[in-house]
Amino acid sequence: MLKRFSRRAMRSFAVACLTLAVGLSVGAEFANSAVFSVTQTFTISGSSASNLSQVCVYNYNTGAFPCYPAFFGSYTLSYQLPFNVFLGFILYDYNQARFVEQVFVRDEAL
């Protein structure tokens, strides 16, 4: 009886230690990946062989609404996101003659 209790206790202790070790190692990995720089880069990419589309950016802080040139086929745009910004990235589809997608990006202190 004493041996069985001892094995059970050792097994439970081993599982608890393994769980703690995995939790600490994963927690440290996630903590290191959450370091942000002052300026982030937002990359927009798309591809459509027969579609003419245009990316526009609406700045909710200033009210500015600049648009990039229209693209056929594949495109990639990199946009620098400054600190404390609220932007809307909007995709205009010329074939459908309407805005088809929008992504909001808001950077604020927690």
Protein backbone atom coordinates (compact mmCIF):
# COMPACT_ATOMS: atom_id res chain seq x y z
CA MET A 1 0.00 0.00 0.00
CA LEU A 2 2.80 2.40 0.86
CA LYS A 3 4.58 1.69 -2.46
CA ARG A 4 1.43 2.37 -4.48
CA PHE A 5 0.86 5.71 -2.71
CA SER A 6 4.47 6.62 -3.21
CA ARG A 7 4.32 5.90 -6.95
CA ARG A 8 1.14 7.91 -7.30
CA ALA A 9 2.65 10.81 -5.42
CA MET A 10 5.82 10.70 -7.53
CA ARG A 11 3.79 10.54 -10.76
CA SER A 12 1.65 13.52 -9.71
CA PHE A 13 4.74 15.45 -8.66
CA ALA A 14 6.42 14.70 -12.02
CA VAL A 15 3.35 15.83 -13.99
CA ALA A 16 3.13 19.02 -11.91
CA CYS A 17 6.82 19.79 -12.49
CA LEU A 18 6.55 19.11 -16.22
CA THR A 19 3.49 21.35 -16.48
CA LEU A 20 5.29 24.12 -14.62
CA ALA A 21 8.40 23.79 -16.81
CA VAL A 22 6.37 23.93 -20.04
CA GLY A 23 4.34 26.88 -18.75
CA LEU A 24 7.42 28.86 -17.83
CA SER A 25 9.21 28.18 -21.10
CA VAL A 26 6.19 29.11 -23.25
CA GLY A 27 5.46 32.18 -21.13
CA ALA A 28 9.01 33.44 -21.58
CA GLU A 29 8.77 32.92 -25.32
CA PHE A 30 5.50 34.87 -25.60
CA ALA A 31 6.81 37.65 -23.38
CA ASN A 32 9.81 38.22 -25.65
CA SER A 33 7.69 38.34 -28.81
CA ALA A 34 5.51 41.20 -27.52
CA VAL A 35 8.20 43.89 -27.74
CA PHE A 36 7.12 46.66 -30.10
CA SER A 37 9.14 49.45 -31.61
CA VAL A 38 7.94 53.05 -31.85
CA THR A 39 6.93 52.70 -35.52
CA GLN A 40 5.28 49.56 -36.89
CA THR A 41 4.98 48.56 -40.55
CA PHE A 42 1.65 47.43 -42.01
CA THR A 43 2.01 45.51 -45.28
CA ILE A 44 -0.88 45.26 -47.71
CA SER A 45 -0.65 42.76 -50.56
CA GLY A 46 -3.08 41.41 -53.09
CA SER A 47 -3.30 39.75 -56.48
CA SER A 48 -5.94 39.62 -59.16
CA ALA A 49 -4.98 39.27 -62.80
CA SER A 50 -8.02 41.03 -64.31
CA ASN A 51 -9.00 43.38 -61.50
CA LEU A 52 -8.12 47.05 -61.12
CA SER A 53 -8.01 47.98 -57.44
CA GLN A 54 -6.80 50.91 -55.37
CA VAL A 55 -5.79 51.20 -51.71
CA CYS A 56 -6.80 54.35 -49.80
CA VAL A 57 -5.94 55.30 -46.22
CA TYR A 58 -8.30 57.36 -44.09
CA ASN A 59 -6.63 59.03 -41.09
CA TYR A 60 -9.27 59.50 -38.39
CA ASN A 61 -6.94 61.82 -36.43
CA THR A 62 -6.47 64.37 -39.21
CA GLY A 63 -9.26 63.58 -41.71
CA ALA A 64 -6.78 63.02 -44.56
CA PHE A 65 -7.80 60.49 -47.26
CA PRO A 66 -4.83 59.82 -49.57
CA CYS A 67 -5.01 57.04 -52.16
CA TYR A 68 -2.23 55.05 -53.78
CA PRO A 69 -2.18 54.54 -57.56
CA ALA A 70 -4.50 51.81 -58.88
CA PHE A 71 -3.01 48.37 -59.51
CA PHE A 72 -3.57 45.52 -61.97
CA GLY A 73 -2.37 42.10 -60.88
CA SER A 74 -0.14 41.65 -57.83
CA TYR A 75 0.81 44.50 -55.53
CA THR A 76 2.45 45.06 -52.17
CA LEU A 77 2.35 48.28 -50.14
CA SER A 78 4.19 48.94 -46.90
CA TYR A 79 2.77 51.63 -44.66
CA GLN A 80 4.54 53.02 -41.58
CA LEU A 81 2.23 53.23 -38.56
CA PRO A 82 3.28 56.00 -36.17
CA PHE A 83 2.42 55.94 -32.47
CA ASN A 84 -1.10 56.93 -31.37
CA VAL A 85 -2.76 56.63 -34.78
CA PHE A 86 -6.26 55.58 -35.89
CA LEU A 87 -6.38 54.60 -39.57
CA GLY A 88 -8.76 52.89 -41.96
CA PHE A 89 -7.24 51.03 -44.92
CA ILE A 90 -9.85 50.82 -47.66
CA LEU A 91 -9.72 48.80 -50.90
CA TYR A 92 -11.62 50.19 -53.89
CA ASP A 93 -12.55 47.75 -56.67
CA TYR A 94 -12.97 49.45 -60.05
CA ASN A 95 -14.68 46.40 -61.62
CA GLN A 96 -17.45 46.53 -59.00
CA ALA A 97 -17.25 50.35 -58.69
CA ARG A 98 -17.35 50.24 -54.89
CA PHE A 99 -15.25 49.90 -51.75
CA VAL A 100 -14.96 46.17 -51.01
CA GLU A 101 -12.75 45.87 -47.91
CA GLN A 102 -11.76 47.97 -44.92
CA VAL A 103 -9.32 47.35 -42.08
CA PHE A 104 -9.15 49.57 -39.00
CA VAL A 105 -5.82 50.01 -37.21
CA ARG A 106 -5.78 51.85 -33.89
CA ASP A 107 -2.71 52.26 -31.75
CA GLU A 108 -3.34 53.44 -28.23
CA ALA A 109 -1.66 53.11 -24.89
CA LEU A 110 -2.96 50.41 -22.56
